[in-house]
Amino acid sequence: MKTAKTLDSLMLLTEEQDEHLFINIANAIISYGDKALPLLKEKLEKSKDAFLQHRLESLIDTIEHKNIINKLKSWREKREHDLMEPCFILAKYHFPNADWSWLGFKIMMIIEQAEREMNQELTPLEQVKILNHIIYDVNKFKGDINTINNPDFYFINTLLQTHIGNPLSLGMLYCIIAERLDMPIYGIDLPNHFILAFCKKTDYFPQIDDVLFYINPFNRGNVLTKKDIRNYLNELNVSHELKYFEPSKNTNIIKKLFKVLRNLEG
């Protein structure tokens, strides 16, 4: 049985010099999950030994990483339609001291601003025009090419604080707002880019034939056509694969985010 007393004892053993023994000690600490984090962080703050600090940091990182994986698995299985949840999960890991209540309020405020302007009589293009006005004119979000190689700008808290983003961060925010407004807007993973597709409302996940038009969130929500995408792919000398034209599920968007961050952070 796992007890607090046992965990306290394991903390004393983190200084074990025998690496083979320490592997067992580390695995036992990791098995406690979140319960071990406060003690590990407390010991890390007090330690002045570089070797021990490295061990403690590795244990903390392993536990937090496992927590993220478990939370993302739960999201994928139960709430994949909600893109905001994984965005917050990942950002909290990198920025644990951010004011998440304020950031959540910020998103809801944008959603309410857009909701007040929407009605059932508007065409899809008119809906996008309103959403663009709220995001880019009222709230002053904008794309900046300098953010593309900075990993911090791929997290939603940085975007909400600075109002500056790249195609992926702006596209994810656009999708989050659209989801809350019940607008059928989905991400599309292009090479070195990220755009959106406005689709017909369907009882199934939309396919390429359901796409009405495309949206470029990095360029103030400018509307695109299939021809524009083909021209872009031609410029890159990339084949016109189906995946570059059809809507992508939220799990694939998060996979793209992971891939970008991995490349940037090495």
C-alpha atoms as a PDB file:
ATOM      1  CA  MET A   1       0.000   0.000   0.000  1.00  0.00           C
ATOM      2  CA  LYS A   2       1.279   3.443  -0.926  1.00  0.00           C
ATOM      3  CA  THR A   3       1.526   5.684   2.153  1.00  0.00           C
ATOM      4  CA  ALA A   4       2.815   9.169   2.840  1.00  0.00           C
ATOM      5  CA  LYS A   5       5.350   7.688   5.227  1.00  0.00           C
ATOM      6  CA  THR A   6       6.734   5.437   2.500  1.00  0.00           C
ATOM      7  CA  LEU A   7       6.960   8.377   0.111  1.00  0.00           C
ATOM      8  CA  ASP A   8       8.846  10.397   2.729  1.00  0.00           C
ATOM      9  CA  SER A   9      11.275   7.517   3.089  1.00  0.00           C
ATOM     10  CA  LEU A  10      11.776   7.323  -0.676  1.00  0.00           C
ATOM     11  CA  MET A  11      12.642  11.037  -0.721  1.00  0.00           C
ATOM     12  CA  LEU A  12      15.522  10.334   1.632  1.00  0.00           C
ATOM     13  CA  LEU A  13      16.791   7.714  -0.793  1.00  0.00           C
ATOM     14  CA  THR A  14      17.036  10.054  -3.799  1.00  0.00           C
ATOM     15  CA  GLU A  15      20.688  10.572  -2.872  1.00  0.00           C
ATOM     16  CA  GLU A  16      21.471   6.845  -3.287  1.00  0.00           C
ATOM     17  CA  GLN A  17      24.824   6.516  -5.080  1.00  0.00           C
ATOM     18  CA  ASP A  18      24.203   3.068  -6.560  1.00  0.00           C
ATOM     19  CA  GLU A  19      22.564   3.721  -9.940  1.00  0.00           C
ATOM     20  CA  HIS A  20      20.955   0.265 -10.097  1.00  0.00           C
ATOM     21  CA  LEU A  21      19.292   0.777  -6.729  1.00  0.00           C
ATOM     22  CA  PHE A  22      18.280   4.291  -7.651  1.00  0.00           C
ATOM     23  CA  ILE A  23      16.368   3.053 -10.718  1.00  0.00           C
ATOM     24  CA  ASN A  24      14.064   1.088  -8.409  1.00  0.00           C
ATOM     25  CA  ILE A  25      13.764   4.056  -6.052  1.00  0.00           C
ATOM     26  CA  ALA A  26      12.931   6.381  -8.948  1.00  0.00           C
ATOM     27  CA  ASN A  27      10.264   4.024 -10.317  1.00  0.00           C
ATOM     28  CA  ALA A  28       8.690   3.785  -6.866  1.00  0.00           C
ATOM     29  CA  ILE A  29       8.564   7.588  -6.549  1.00  0.00           C
ATOM     30  CA  ILE A  30       7.131   7.960 -10.062  1.00  0.00           C
ATOM     31  CA  SER A  31       4.355   5.491  -9.182  1.00  0.00           C
ATOM     32  CA  TYR A  32       3.014   8.042  -6.677  1.00  0.00           C
ATOM     33  CA  GLY A  33       2.310  10.473  -9.506  1.00  0.00           C
ATOM     34  CA  ASP A  34       1.086  13.947  -8.465  1.00  0.00           C
ATOM     35  CA  LYS A  35       1.479  13.116  -4.764  1.00  0.00           C
ATOM     36  CA  ALA A  36       5.252  13.050  -5.168  1.00  0.00           C
ATOM     37  CA  LEU A  37       5.572  16.412  -6.931  1.00  0.00           C
ATOM     38  CA  PRO A  38       5.349  18.765  -3.886  1.00  0.00           C
ATOM     39  CA  LEU A  39       8.022  16.810  -2.009  1.00  0.00           C
ATOM     40  CA  LEU A  40      10.291  16.599  -5.055  1.00  0.00           C
ATOM     41  CA  LYS A  41       9.992  20.319  -5.731  1.00  0.00           C
ATOM     42  CA  GLU A  42      10.566  21.170  -2.075  1.00  0.00           C
ATOM     43  CA  LYS A  43      13.716  19.063  -1.988  1.00  0.00           C
ATOM     44  CA  LEU A  44      14.887  20.585  -5.287  1.00  0.00           C
ATOM     45  CA  GLU A  45      14.561  24.104  -3.865  1.00  0.00           C
ATOM     46  CA  LYS A  46      16.636  23.197  -0.815  1.00  0.00           C
ATOM     47  CA  SER A  47      19.314  21.182  -2.603  1.00  0.00           C
ATOM     48  CA  LYS A  48      22.638  22.734  -3.568  1.00  0.00           C
ATOM     49  CA  ASP A  49      24.043  19.530  -5.041  1.00  0.00           C
ATOM     50  CA  ALA A  50      24.079  19.693  -8.851  1.00  0.00           C
ATOM     51  CA  PHE A  51      23.902  15.906  -9.260  1.00  0.00           C
ATOM     52  CA  LEU A  52      20.908  15.597  -6.943  1.00  0.00           C
ATOM     53  CA  GLN A  53      19.223  18.583  -8.599  1.00  0.00           C
ATOM     54  CA  HIS A  54      19.523  16.846 -11.952  1.00  0.00           C
ATOM     55  CA  ARG A  55      17.950  13.698 -10.529  1.00  0.00           C
ATOM     56  CA  LEU A  56      15.078  15.575  -8.929  1.00  0.00           C
ATOM     57  CA  GLU A  57      14.406  17.605 -12.062  1.00  0.00           C
ATOM     58  CA  SER A  58      14.343  14.400 -14.118  1.00  0.00           C
ATOM     59  CA  LEU A  59      11.831  12.807 -11.719  1.00  0.00           C
ATOM     60  CA  ILE A  60       9.624  15.894 -11.778  1.00  0.00           C
ATOM     61  CA  ASP A  61       9.743  16.059 -15.555  1.00  0.00           C
ATOM     62  CA  THR A  62       8.903  12.352 -15.901  1.00  0.00           C
ATOM     63  CA  ILE A  63       5.872  12.587 -13.603  1.00  0.00           C
ATOM     64  CA  GLU A  64       4.575  15.753 -15.246  1.00  0.00           C
ATOM     65  CA  HIS A  65       5.069  14.252 -18.702  1.00  0.00           C
ATOM     66  CA  LYS A  66       3.127  11.122 -17.716  1.00  0.00           C
ATOM     67  CA  ASN A  67       0.353  13.344 -16.354  1.00  0.00           C
ATOM     68  CA  ILE A  68       0.109  15.198 -19.653  1.00  0.00           C
ATOM     69  CA  ILE A  69      -0.020  11.969 -21.656  1.00  0.00           C
ATOM     70  CA  ASN A  70      -2.792  10.601 -19.425  1.00  0.00           C
ATOM     71  CA  LYS A  71      -4.803  13.816 -19.652  1.00  0.00           C
ATOM     72  CA  LEU A  72      -4.443  13.937 -23.430  1.00  0.00           C
ATOM     73  CA  LYS A  73      -5.500  10.282 -23.716  1.00  0.00           C
ATOM     74  CA  SER A  74      -8.608  11.028 -21.672  1.00  0.00           C
ATOM     75  CA  TRP A  75      -9.352  14.050 -23.852  1.00  0.00           C
ATOM     76  CA  ARG A  76      -8.925  12.068 -27.074  1.00  0.00           C
ATOM     77  CA  GLU A  77     -11.232   9.312 -25.863  1.00  0.00           C
ATOM     78  CA  LYS A  78     -13.982  11.475 -24.364  1.00  0.00           C
ATOM     79  CA  ARG A  79     -13.840  15.118 -25.516  1.00  0.00           C
ATOM     80  CA  GLU A  80     -11.938  15.272 -28.808  1.00  0.00           C
ATOM     81  CA  HIS A  81     -14.414  17.871 -30.115  1.00  0.00           C
ATOM     82  CA  ASP A  82     -13.055  20.406 -27.583  1.00  0.00           C
ATOM     83  CA  LEU A  83      -9.754  21.847 -28.821  1.00  0.00           C
ATOM     84  CA  MET A  84      -9.391  24.286 -25.931  1.00  0.00           C
ATOM     85  CA  GLU A  85      -8.776  21.522 -23.366  1.00  0.00           C
ATOM     86  CA  PRO A  86      -5.509  20.120 -24.836  1.00  0.00           C
ATOM     87  CA  CYS A  87      -4.280  23.643 -25.583  1.00  0.00           C
ATOM     88  CA  PHE A  88      -4.630  24.501 -21.899  1.00  0.00           C
ATOM     89  CA  ILE A  89      -3.154  21.157 -20.762  1.00  0.00           C
ATOM     90  CA  LEU A  90       0.016  21.709 -22.794  1.00  0.00           C
ATOM     91  CA  ALA A  91       0.364  25.384 -21.918  1.00  0.00           C
ATOM     92  CA  LYS A  92      -0.012  24.693 -18.177  1.00  0.00           C
ATOM     93  CA  TYR A  93       2.903  22.288 -18.386  1.00  0.00           C
ATOM     94  CA  HIS A  94       5.204  24.917 -19.906  1.00  0.00           C
ATOM     95  CA  PHE A  95       3.832  27.915 -18.009  1.00  0.00           C
ATOM     96  CA  PRO A  96       2.650  26.629 -14.596  1.00  0.00           C
ATOM     97  CA  ASN A  97       2.449  30.136 -13.109  1.00  0.00           C
ATOM     98  CA  ALA A  98       0.176  31.647 -15.753  1.00  0.00           C
ATOM     99  CA  ASP A  99      -3.167  33.078 -14.626  1.00  0.00           C
ATOM    100  CA  TRP A 100      -5.457  30.426 -16.073  1.00  0.00           C
ATOM    101  CA  SER A 101      -8.654  31.961 -14.696  1.00  0.00           C
ATOM    102  CA  TRP A 102      -7.906  35.171 -16.550  1.00  0.00           C
ATOM    103  CA  LEU A 103      -6.971  33.330 -19.743  1.00  0.00           C
ATOM    104  CA  GLY A 104     -10.175  31.282 -19.662  1.00  0.00           C
ATOM    105  CA  PHE A 105     -12.164  34.462 -19.094  1.00  0.00           C
ATOM    106  CA  LYS A 106     -10.365  36.097 -22.030  1.00  0.00           C
ATOM    107  CA  ILE A 107     -11.453  33.341 -24.423  1.00  0.00           C
ATOM    108  CA  MET A 108     -15.039  33.388 -23.165  1.00  0.00           C
ATOM    109  CA  MET A 109     -15.149  37.155 -23.620  1.00  0.00           C
ATOM    110  CA  ILE A 110     -14.111  36.812 -27.281  1.00  0.00           C
ATOM    111  CA  ILE A 111     -16.719  34.084 -27.792  1.00  0.00           C
ATOM    112  CA  GLU A 112     -19.457  36.242 -26.263  1.00  0.00           C
ATOM    113  CA  GLN A 113     -18.442  39.216 -28.427  1.00  0.00           C
ATOM    114  CA  ALA A 114     -18.806  37.094 -31.554  1.00  0.00           C
ATOM    115  CA  GLU A 115     -22.006  35.445 -30.343  1.00  0.00           C
ATOM    116  CA  ARG A 116     -23.733  38.806 -29.961  1.00  0.00           C
ATOM    117  CA  GLU A 117     -23.112  39.542 -33.656  1.00  0.00           C
ATOM    118  CA  MET A 118     -24.185  36.149 -35.038  1.00  0.00           C
ATOM    119  CA  ASN A 119     -27.652  35.080 -36.173  1.00  0.00           C
ATOM    120  CA  GLN A 120     -29.194  32.211 -38.139  1.00  0.00           C
ATOM    121  CA  GLU A 121     -29.760  34.327 -41.248  1.00  0.00           C
ATOM    122  CA  LEU A 122     -26.100  34.972 -41.966  1.00  0.00           C
ATOM    123  CA  THR A 123     -24.319  33.139 -44.780  1.00  0.00           C
ATOM    124  CA  PRO A 124     -21.056  31.279 -44.031  1.00  0.00           C
ATOM    125  CA  LEU A 125     -19.044  34.104 -45.586  1.00  0.00           C
ATOM    126  CA  GLU A 126     -20.907  36.676 -43.490  1.00  0.00           C
ATOM    127  CA  GLN A 127     -20.260  34.627 -40.349  1.00  0.00           C
ATOM    128  CA  VAL A 128     -16.534  34.511 -41.108  1.00  0.00           C
ATOM    129  CA  LYS A 129     -16.508  38.245 -41.772  1.00  0.00           C
ATOM    130  CA  ILE A 130     -17.945  38.856 -38.297  1.00  0.00           C
ATOM    131  CA  LEU A 131     -15.555  36.406 -36.660  1.00  0.00           C
ATOM    132  CA  ASN A 132     -12.615  38.060 -38.424  1.00  0.00           C
ATOM    133  CA  HIS A 133     -13.781  41.466 -37.210  1.00  0.00           C
ATOM    134  CA  ILE A 134     -13.975  40.267 -33.600  1.00  0.00           C
ATOM    135  CA  ILE A 135     -10.618  38.470 -33.641  1.00  0.00           C
ATOM    136  CA  TYR A 136      -8.493  40.833 -35.725  1.00  0.00           C
ATOM    137  CA  ASP A 137     -10.144  44.250 -35.420  1.00  0.00           C
ATOM    138  CA  VAL A 138     -11.754  44.279 -31.973  1.00  0.00           C
ATOM    139  CA  ASN A 139      -9.205  42.121 -30.137  1.00  0.00           C
ATOM    140  CA  LYS A 140      -6.213  43.070 -32.312  1.00  0.00           C
ATOM    141  CA  PHE A 141      -4.793  39.574 -32.857  1.00  0.00           C
ATOM    142  CA  LYS A 142      -2.263  39.474 -35.662  1.00  0.00           C
ATOM    143  CA  GLY A 143       0.203  37.186 -37.331  1.00  0.00           C
ATOM    144  CA  ASP A 144       3.917  37.824 -37.058  1.00  0.00           C
ATOM    145  CA  ILE A 145       6.467  35.800 -39.026  1.00  0.00           C
ATOM    146  CA  ASN A 146       8.975  36.230 -36.170  1.00  0.00           C
ATOM    147  CA  THR A 147       6.861  33.959 -33.933  1.00  0.00           C
ATOM    148  CA  ILE A 148       7.159  30.951 -36.240  1.00  0.00           C
ATOM    149  CA  ASN A 149      10.546  29.863 -34.843  1.00  0.00           C
ATOM    150  CA  ASN A 150       9.793  30.752 -31.208  1.00  0.00           C
ATOM    151  CA  PRO A 151       8.218  27.802 -29.317  1.00  0.00           C
ATOM    152  CA  ASP A 152       6.635  30.065 -26.681  1.00  0.00           C
ATOM    153  CA  PHE A 153       4.311  31.533 -29.306  1.00  0.00           C
ATOM    154  CA  TYR A 154       2.719  28.146 -30.019  1.00  0.00           C
ATOM    155  CA  PHE A 155       1.046  28.110 -26.591  1.00  0.00           C
ATOM    156  CA  ILE A 156      -2.371  29.650 -26.131  1.00  0.00           C
ATOM    157  CA  ASN A 157      -1.454  31.699 -23.054  1.00  0.00           C
ATOM    158  CA  THR A 158       1.307  33.516 -24.965  1.00  0.00           C
ATOM    159  CA  LEU A 159      -1.113  34.261 -27.807  1.00  0.00           C
ATOM    160  CA  LEU A 160      -3.776  35.590 -25.431  1.00  0.00           C
ATOM    161  CA  GLN A 161      -1.260  37.748 -23.572  1.00  0.00           C
ATOM    162  CA  THR A 162       0.572  39.221 -26.565  1.00  0.00           C
ATOM    163  CA  HIS A 163      -2.146  38.990 -29.261  1.00  0.00           C
ATOM    164  CA  ILE A 164       0.648  37.947 -31.628  1.00  0.00           C
ATOM    165  CA  GLY A 165       0.830  34.506 -33.174  1.00  0.00           C
ATOM    166  CA  ASN A 166       1.751  32.179 -36.014  1.00  0.00           C
ATOM    167  CA  PRO A 167      -0.511  30.209 -38.386  1.00  0.00           C
ATOM    168  CA  LEU A 168      -0.960  27.319 -35.938  1.00  0.00           C
ATOM    169  CA  SER A 169      -1.597  29.285 -32.742  1.00  0.00           C
ATOM    170  CA  LEU A 170      -3.984  31.705 -34.475  1.00  0.00           C
ATOM    171  CA  GLY A 171      -5.669  28.812 -36.275  1.00  0.00           C
ATOM    172  CA  MET A 172      -6.235  26.908 -33.031  1.00  0.00           C
ATOM    173  CA  LEU A 173      -7.730  29.987 -31.373  1.00  0.00           C
ATOM    174  CA  TYR A 174      -9.979  30.483 -34.404  1.00  0.00           C
ATOM    175  CA  CYS A 175     -11.124  26.843 -34.149  1.00  0.00           C
ATOM    176  CA  ILE A 176     -11.767  27.111 -30.401  1.00  0.00           C
ATOM    177  CA  ILE A 177     -14.012  30.133 -30.881  1.00  0.00           C
ATOM    178  CA  ALA A 178     -15.782  28.523 -33.838  1.00  0.00           C
ATOM    179  CA  GLU A 179     -16.410  25.338 -31.829  1.00  0.00           C
ATOM    180  CA  ARG A 180     -18.123  27.308 -29.069  1.00  0.00           C
ATOM    181  CA  LEU A 181     -20.268  29.103 -31.672  1.00  0.00           C
ATOM    182  CA  ASP A 182     -21.182  25.785 -33.346  1.00  0.00           C
ATOM    183  CA  MET A 183     -19.545  26.888 -36.592  1.00  0.00           C
ATOM    184  CA  PRO A 184     -18.264  23.972 -38.771  1.00  0.00           C
ATOM    185  CA  ILE A 185     -14.675  25.203 -39.046  1.00  0.00           C
ATOM    186  CA  TYR A 186     -11.818  22.681 -38.991  1.00  0.00           C
ATOM    187  CA  GLY A 187      -8.046  22.778 -39.269  1.00  0.00           C
ATOM    188  CA  ILE A 188      -6.019  21.758 -42.314  1.00  0.00           C
ATOM    189  CA  ASP A 189      -2.354  20.838 -41.971  1.00  0.00           C
ATOM    190  CA  LEU A 190      -0.433  22.279 -44.889  1.00  0.00           C
ATOM    191  CA  PRO A 191       3.357  21.981 -45.247  1.00  0.00           C
ATOM    192  CA  ASN A 192       4.918  24.876 -43.290  1.00  0.00           C
ATOM    193  CA  HIS A 193       1.467  26.376 -42.800  1.00  0.00           C
ATOM    194  CA  PHE A 194      -1.913  25.877 -41.177  1.00  0.00           C
ATOM    195  CA  ILE A 195      -5.269  26.990 -42.547  1.00  0.00           C
ATOM    196  CA  LEU A 196      -8.941  26.295 -41.854  1.00  0.00           C
ATOM    197  CA  ALA A 197     -11.906  24.914 -43.757  1.00  0.00           C
ATOM    198  CA  PHE A 198     -15.490  26.142 -43.428  1.00  0.00           C
ATOM    199  CA  CYS A 199     -17.690  23.114 -44.114  1.00  0.00           C
ATOM    200  CA  LYS A 200     -21.324  22.225 -44.531  1.00  0.00           C
ATOM    201  CA  LYS A 201     -22.955  21.046 -41.323  1.00  0.00           C
ATOM    202  CA  THR A 202     -23.157  17.259 -41.413  1.00  0.00           C
ATOM    203  CA  ASP A 203     -24.023  14.350 -39.110  1.00  0.00           C
ATOM    204  CA  TYR A 204     -20.562  12.913 -39.778  1.00  0.00           C
ATOM    205  CA  PHE A 205     -17.056  14.322 -39.768  1.00  0.00           C
ATOM    206  CA  PRO A 206     -16.908  16.457 -42.938  1.00  0.00           C
ATOM    207  CA  GLN A 207     -15.017  15.304 -46.018  1.00  0.00           C
ATOM    208  CA  ILE A 208     -13.404  17.275 -48.815  1.00  0.00           C
ATOM    209  CA  ASP A 209     -16.726  17.539 -50.709  1.00  0.00           C
ATOM    210  CA  ASP A 210     -18.253  19.258 -47.687  1.00  0.00           C
ATOM    211  CA  VAL A 211     -15.735  22.128 -47.722  1.00  0.00           C
ATOM    212  CA  LEU A 212     -17.292  25.440 -48.768  1.00  0.00           C
ATOM    213  CA  PHE A 213     -14.110  27.524 -48.649  1.00  0.00           C
ATOM    214  CA  TYR A 214     -10.837  27.899 -46.768  1.00  0.00           C
ATOM    215  CA  ILE A 215      -9.598  30.508 -44.274  1.00  0.00           C
ATOM    216  CA  ASN A 216      -6.084  31.806 -43.608  1.00  0.00           C
ATOM    217  CA  PRO A 217      -5.944  32.699 -39.878  1.00  0.00           C
ATOM    218  CA  PHE A 218      -2.428  34.105 -40.237  1.00  0.00           C
ATOM    219  CA  ASN A 219      -3.642  36.704 -42.741  1.00  0.00           C
ATOM    220  CA  ARG A 220      -6.620  38.181 -40.854  1.00  0.00           C
ATOM    221  CA  GLY A 221      -8.953  35.339 -41.843  1.00  0.00           C
ATOM    222  CA  ASN A 222      -8.587  35.900 -45.568  1.00  0.00           C
ATOM    223  CA  VAL A 223     -10.792  33.500 -47.589  1.00  0.00           C
ATOM    224  CA  LEU A 224      -9.012  30.977 -49.830  1.00  0.00           C
ATOM    225  CA  THR A 225     -10.055  28.552 -52.557  1.00  0.00           C
ATOM    226  CA  LYS A 226      -8.759  25.137 -53.636  1.00  0.00           C
ATOM    227  CA  LYS A 227      -6.903  26.911 -56.413  1.00  0.00           C
ATOM    228  CA  ASP A 228      -5.045  29.021 -53.837  1.00  0.00           C
ATOM    229  CA  ILE A 229      -3.970  25.864 -52.015  1.00  0.00           C
ATOM    230  CA  ARG A 230      -2.846  24.235 -55.261  1.00  0.00           C
ATOM    231  CA  ASN A 231      -0.791  27.324 -56.124  1.00  0.00           C
ATOM    232  CA  TYR A 232       0.805  27.259 -52.675  1.00  0.00           C
ATOM    233  CA  LEU A 233       1.719  23.590 -53.007  1.00  0.00           C
ATOM    234  CA  ASN A 234       3.133  24.227 -56.480  1.00  0.00           C
ATOM    235  CA  GLU A 235       5.383  26.947 -55.061  1.00  0.00           C
ATOM    236  CA  LEU A 236       6.749  24.410 -52.584  1.00  0.00           C
ATOM    237  CA  ASN A 237       6.953  21.723 -55.280  1.00  0.00           C
ATOM    238  CA  VAL A 238       4.741  19.483 -53.119  1.00  0.00           C
ATOM    239  CA  SER A 239       2.271  16.957 -54.536  1.00  0.00           C
ATOM    240  CA  HIS A 240      -1.456  17.747 -54.175  1.00  0.00           C
ATOM    241  CA  GLU A 241      -2.322  15.131 -51.552  1.00  0.00           C
ATOM    242  CA  LEU A 242      -5.908  14.829 -50.339  1.00  0.00           C
ATOM    243  CA  LYS A 243      -4.935  15.641 -46.745  1.00  0.00           C
ATOM    244  CA  TYR A 244      -3.975  19.167 -47.800  1.00  0.00           C
ATOM    245  CA  PHE A 245      -7.568  19.906 -48.814  1.00  0.00           C
ATOM    246  CA  GLU A 246      -9.771  17.989 -46.371  1.00  0.00           C
ATOM    247  CA  PRO A 247     -10.687  18.825 -42.745  1.00  0.00           C
ATOM    248  CA  SER A 248      -8.471  17.415 -40.020  1.00  0.00           C
ATOM    249  CA  LYS A 249      -9.582  16.119 -36.622  1.00  0.00           C
ATOM    250  CA  ASN A 250      -8.460  17.876 -33.450  1.00  0.00           C
ATOM    251  CA  THR A 251      -6.150  14.988 -32.522  1.00  0.00           C
ATOM    252  CA  ASN A 252      -4.184  15.629 -35.721  1.00  0.00           C
ATOM    253  CA  ILE A 253      -3.919  19.330 -34.880  1.00  0.00           C
ATOM    254  CA  ILE A 254      -2.407  18.483 -31.494  1.00  0.00           C
ATOM    255  CA  LYS A 255      -0.035  16.016 -33.183  1.00  0.00           C
ATOM    256  CA  LYS A 256       1.103  18.831 -35.474  1.00  0.00           C
ATOM    257  CA  LEU A 257       1.653  21.062 -32.440  1.00  0.00           C
ATOM    258  CA  PHE A 258       3.781  18.350 -30.804  1.00  0.00           C
ATOM    259  CA  LYS A 259       5.786  17.904 -33.999  1.00  0.00           C
ATOM    260  CA  VAL A 260       6.468  21.629 -34.370  1.00  0.00           C
ATOM    261  CA  LEU A 261       7.504  22.016 -30.734  1.00  0.00           C
ATOM    262  CA  ARG A 262       9.764  18.962 -30.920  1.00  0.00           C
ATOM    263  CA  ASN A 263      11.520  20.400 -33.980  1.00  0.00           C
ATOM    264  CA  LEU A 264      11.933  23.828 -32.428  1.00  0.00           C
ATOM    265  CA  GLU A 265      13.082  22.651 -29.019  1.00  0.00           C
ATOM    266  CA  GLY A 266      15.387  20.004 -30.438  1.00  0.00           C
END
